[in-house]
Each structure stands twice: as C-alpha cells, then as structure tokens.
C-alpha atoms as a PDB file:
ATOM      1  CA  UNK A   1     343.452 190.573 195.445  1.00  0.00           C
ATOM      2  CA  UNK A   2     343.150 191.725 191.849  1.00  0.00           C
ATOM      3  CA  UNK A   3     340.907 194.455 190.456  1.00  0.00           C
ATOM      4  CA  UNK A   4     337.999 193.507 188.256  1.00  0.00           C
ATOM      5  CA  UNK A   5     335.459 195.394 186.174  1.00  0.00           C
ATOM      6  CA  UNK A   6     331.749 194.912 186.813  1.00  0.00           C
ATOM      7  CA  UNK A   7     329.541 195.378 183.757  1.00  0.00           C
ATOM      8  CA  UNK A   8     325.837 194.735 183.504  1.00  0.00           C
ATOM      9  CA  UNK A   9     324.039 193.662 180.326  1.00  0.00           C
ATOM     10  CA  UNK A  10     320.275 193.899 180.028  1.00  0.00           C
ATOM     11  CA  UNK A  11     318.460 192.350 177.061  1.00  0.00           C
ATOM     12  CA  UNK A  12     315.206 193.830 175.775  1.00  0.00           C
ATOM     13  CA  UNK A  13     312.928 193.170 172.805  1.00  0.00           C
ATOM     14  CA  UNK A  14     310.393 195.975 173.237  1.00  0.00           C
ATOM     15  CA  UNK A  15     310.888 199.707 172.915  1.00  0.00           C
ATOM     16  CA  UNK A  16     310.817 201.366 176.364  1.00  0.00           C
ATOM     17  CA  UNK A  17     308.665 204.446 176.998  1.00  0.00           C
ATOM     18  CA  UNK A  18     311.197 207.277 177.420  1.00  0.00           C
ATOM     19  CA  UNK A  19     310.936 210.789 178.688  1.00  0.00           C
ATOM     20  CA  UNK A  20     313.002 213.446 176.975  1.00  0.00           C
ATOM     21  CA  UNK A  21     315.368 215.396 179.187  1.00  0.00           C
ATOM     22  CA  UNK A  22     317.868 218.143 178.325  1.00  0.00           C
ATOM     23  CA  UNK A  23     319.502 218.261 174.864  1.00  0.00           C
ATOM     24  CA  UNK A  24     317.257 215.493 173.488  1.00  0.00           C
ATOM     25  CA  UNK A  25     318.634 212.795 175.790  1.00  0.00           C
ATOM     26  CA  UNK A  26     316.162 209.996 176.543  1.00  0.00           C
ATOM     27  CA  UNK A  27     315.602 208.525 179.989  1.00  0.00           C
ATOM     28  CA  UNK A  28     313.698 205.301 180.638  1.00  0.00           C
ATOM     29  CA  UNK A  29     313.352 202.626 183.271  1.00  0.00           C
ATOM     30  CA  UNK A  30     313.535 198.865 182.924  1.00  0.00           C
ATOM     31  CA  UNK A  31     312.109 196.328 185.364  1.00  0.00           C
ATOM     32  CA  UNK A  32     314.626 193.494 185.720  1.00  0.00           C
ATOM     33  CA  UNK A  33     313.281 190.880 188.119  1.00  0.00           C
ATOM     34  CA  UNK A  34     311.947 193.544 190.474  1.00  0.00           C
ATOM     35  CA  UNK A  35     314.993 195.804 190.232  1.00  0.00           C
ATOM     36  CA  UNK A  36     314.185 199.092 188.486  1.00  0.00           C
ATOM     37  CA  UNK A  37     317.109 200.154 186.306  1.00  0.00           C
ATOM     38  CA  UNK A  38     317.244 203.810 185.259  1.00  0.00           C
ATOM     39  CA  UNK A  39     318.935 204.410 181.889  1.00  0.00           C
ATOM     40  CA  UNK A  40     319.765 207.738 180.212  1.00  0.00           C
ATOM     41  CA  UNK A  41     321.081 207.707 176.637  1.00  0.00           C
ATOM     42  CA  UNK A  42     322.162 210.193 173.974  1.00  0.00           C
ATOM     43  CA  UNK A  43     319.803 210.822 171.032  1.00  0.00           C
ATOM     44  CA  UNK A  44     322.158 208.906 168.698  1.00  0.00           C
ATOM     45  CA  UNK A  45     322.036 205.825 170.938  1.00  0.00           C
ATOM     46  CA  UNK A  46     318.225 206.062 171.306  1.00  0.00           C
ATOM     47  CA  UNK A  47     317.954 206.150 167.493  1.00  0.00           C
ATOM     48  CA  UNK A  48     319.494 202.648 167.352  1.00  0.00           C
ATOM     49  CA  UNK A  49     316.530 201.318 169.344  1.00  0.00           C
ATOM     50  CA  UNK A  50     313.866 203.211 167.401  1.00  0.00           C
ATOM     51  CA  UNK A  51     315.394 202.150 164.072  1.00  0.00           C
ATOM     52  CA  UNK A  52     315.379 198.500 165.153  1.00  0.00           C
ATOM     53  CA  UNK A  53     311.749 198.713 166.281  1.00  0.00           C
ATOM     54  CA  UNK A  54     310.680 200.151 162.932  1.00  0.00           C
ATOM     55  CA  UNK A  55     312.941 198.114 160.611  1.00  0.00           C
ATOM     56  CA  UNK A  56     312.883 194.620 162.124  1.00  0.00           C
ATOM     57  CA  UNK A  57     309.771 192.566 162.873  1.00  0.00           C
ATOM     58  CA  UNK A  58     311.710 190.923 165.727  1.00  0.00           C
ATOM     59  CA  UNK A  59     314.799 192.361 167.379  1.00  0.00           C
ATOM     60  CA  UNK A  60     316.892 192.164 170.538  1.00  0.00           C
ATOM     61  CA  UNK A  61     318.690 195.047 172.207  1.00  0.00           C
ATOM     62  CA  UNK A  62     321.605 194.556 174.580  1.00  0.00           C
ATOM     63  CA  UNK A  63     322.134 197.487 176.933  1.00  0.00           C
ATOM     64  CA  UNK A  64     325.478 197.287 178.720  1.00  0.00           C
ATOM     65  CA  UNK A  65     326.872 199.607 181.357  1.00  0.00           C
ATOM     66  CA  UNK A  66     328.319 200.011 184.817  1.00  0.00           C
ATOM     67  CA  UNK A  67     326.546 199.666 188.123  1.00  0.00           C
ATOM     68  CA  UNK A  68     325.787 203.212 189.209  1.00  0.00           C
ATOM     69  CA  UNK A  69     324.144 204.951 192.126  1.00  0.00           C
ATOM     70  CA  UNK A  70     321.625 202.892 194.057  1.00  0.00           C
ATOM     71  CA  UNK A  71     318.021 204.125 194.084  1.00  0.00           C
ATOM     72  CA  UNK A  72     315.081 203.230 196.349  1.00  0.00           C
ATOM     73  CA  UNK A  73     314.053 200.298 194.146  1.00  0.00           C
ATOM     74  CA  UNK A  74     317.071 199.570 191.932  1.00  0.00           C
ATOM     75  CA  UNK A  75     320.011 201.480 190.505  1.00  0.00           C
ATOM     76  CA  UNK A  76     321.217 203.775 187.732  1.00  0.00           C
ATOM     77  CA  UNK A  77     323.045 202.234 184.766  1.00  0.00           C
ATOM     78  CA  UNK A  78     326.132 204.375 184.130  1.00  0.00           C
ATOM     79  CA  UNK A  79     327.714 204.835 180.683  1.00  0.00           C
ATOM     80  CA  UNK A  80     325.083 202.777 178.844  1.00  0.00           C
ATOM     81  CA  UNK A  81     325.833 201.427 175.395  1.00  0.00           C
ATOM     82  CA  UNK A  82     323.252 199.731 173.183  1.00  0.00           C
ATOM     83  CA  UNK A  83     323.711 197.061 170.543  1.00  0.00           C
ATOM     84  CA  UNK A  84     320.738 195.952 168.471  1.00  0.00           C
ATOM     85  CA  UNK A  85     320.383 192.684 166.583  1.00  0.00           C
ATOM     86  CA  UNK A  86     317.732 191.467 164.187  1.00  0.00           C
ATOM     87  CA  UNK A  87     316.118 188.329 165.516  1.00  0.00           C
ATOM     88  CA  UNK A  88     315.525 185.867 162.735  1.00  0.00           C
ATOM     89  CA  UNK A  89     312.707 183.360 163.168  1.00  0.00           C
ATOM     90  CA  UNK A  90     313.942 179.826 163.562  1.00  0.00           C
ATOM     91  CA  UNK A  91     313.373 177.657 160.533  1.00  0.00           C
ATOM     92  CA  UNK A  92     310.995 174.822 161.149  1.00  0.00           C
ATOM     93  CA  UNK A  93     312.759 171.499 161.308  1.00  0.00           C
ATOM     94  CA  UNK A  94     311.715 169.281 158.459  1.00  0.00           C
ATOM     95  CA  UNK A  95     311.769 165.566 159.167  1.00  0.00           C
ATOM     96  CA  UNK A  96     314.443 163.670 157.283  1.00  0.00           C
ATOM     97  CA  UNK A  97     313.073 160.806 155.183  1.00  0.00           C
ATOM     98  CA  UNK A  98     313.782 157.467 156.817  1.00  0.00           C
ATOM     99  CA  UNK A  99     314.491 158.975 160.225  1.00  0.00           C
ATOM    100  CA  UNK A 100     312.611 157.296 163.018  1.00  0.00           C
END
C-alpha cells in the first residue's frame, strides 16, 4: 500500500456570512450537499474573498484544504487556502453565414 494525500476543494460564488473570532480570523460554514463544512481563515485570506465580491460582478472561489475533525453534521476543513477567479460571461455564439 502507498500513502496518499486527501485534499478537498469546495467551489463557491457567494460571500459566506462569517463570524469574527480571535485576532480578526473569520469563521464560516458552507453547506455542501447536506454536509456542513466549518472553515476558519486568516484575515488576509478572507480579504481575497471580500475583494472578489466587490471587484468582480461574477466570481468563483475555490477553497481547498484537508479533511479535519468530524462534527455532528459535517467536518472541519483544516489548513484552508482560497483562490479566487473572475468569472467572465460567455460570449453569445453568433451564427456563421451559410451554416445550416
């Protein structure tokens, strides 16, 4: 048997409602198909999400981390990292002349 590394990635496109805990860290929960994922991030990481929400009309955030302690209705996401991408609207396809 070989060792592997389990990482979880959660995609969001809305800003979660956090609660501030010690030293400005933000804690929020995400509902992923009935599993409640608890995430705690540093202020610098939280700023990535708030900047995306204010600067981009459409955006996608990818929150990646390790499977942590199990809770009553989900689990804690350990060592979360967030990447944010601007979501560009798809250009409407224009029909090509002569195409049938």
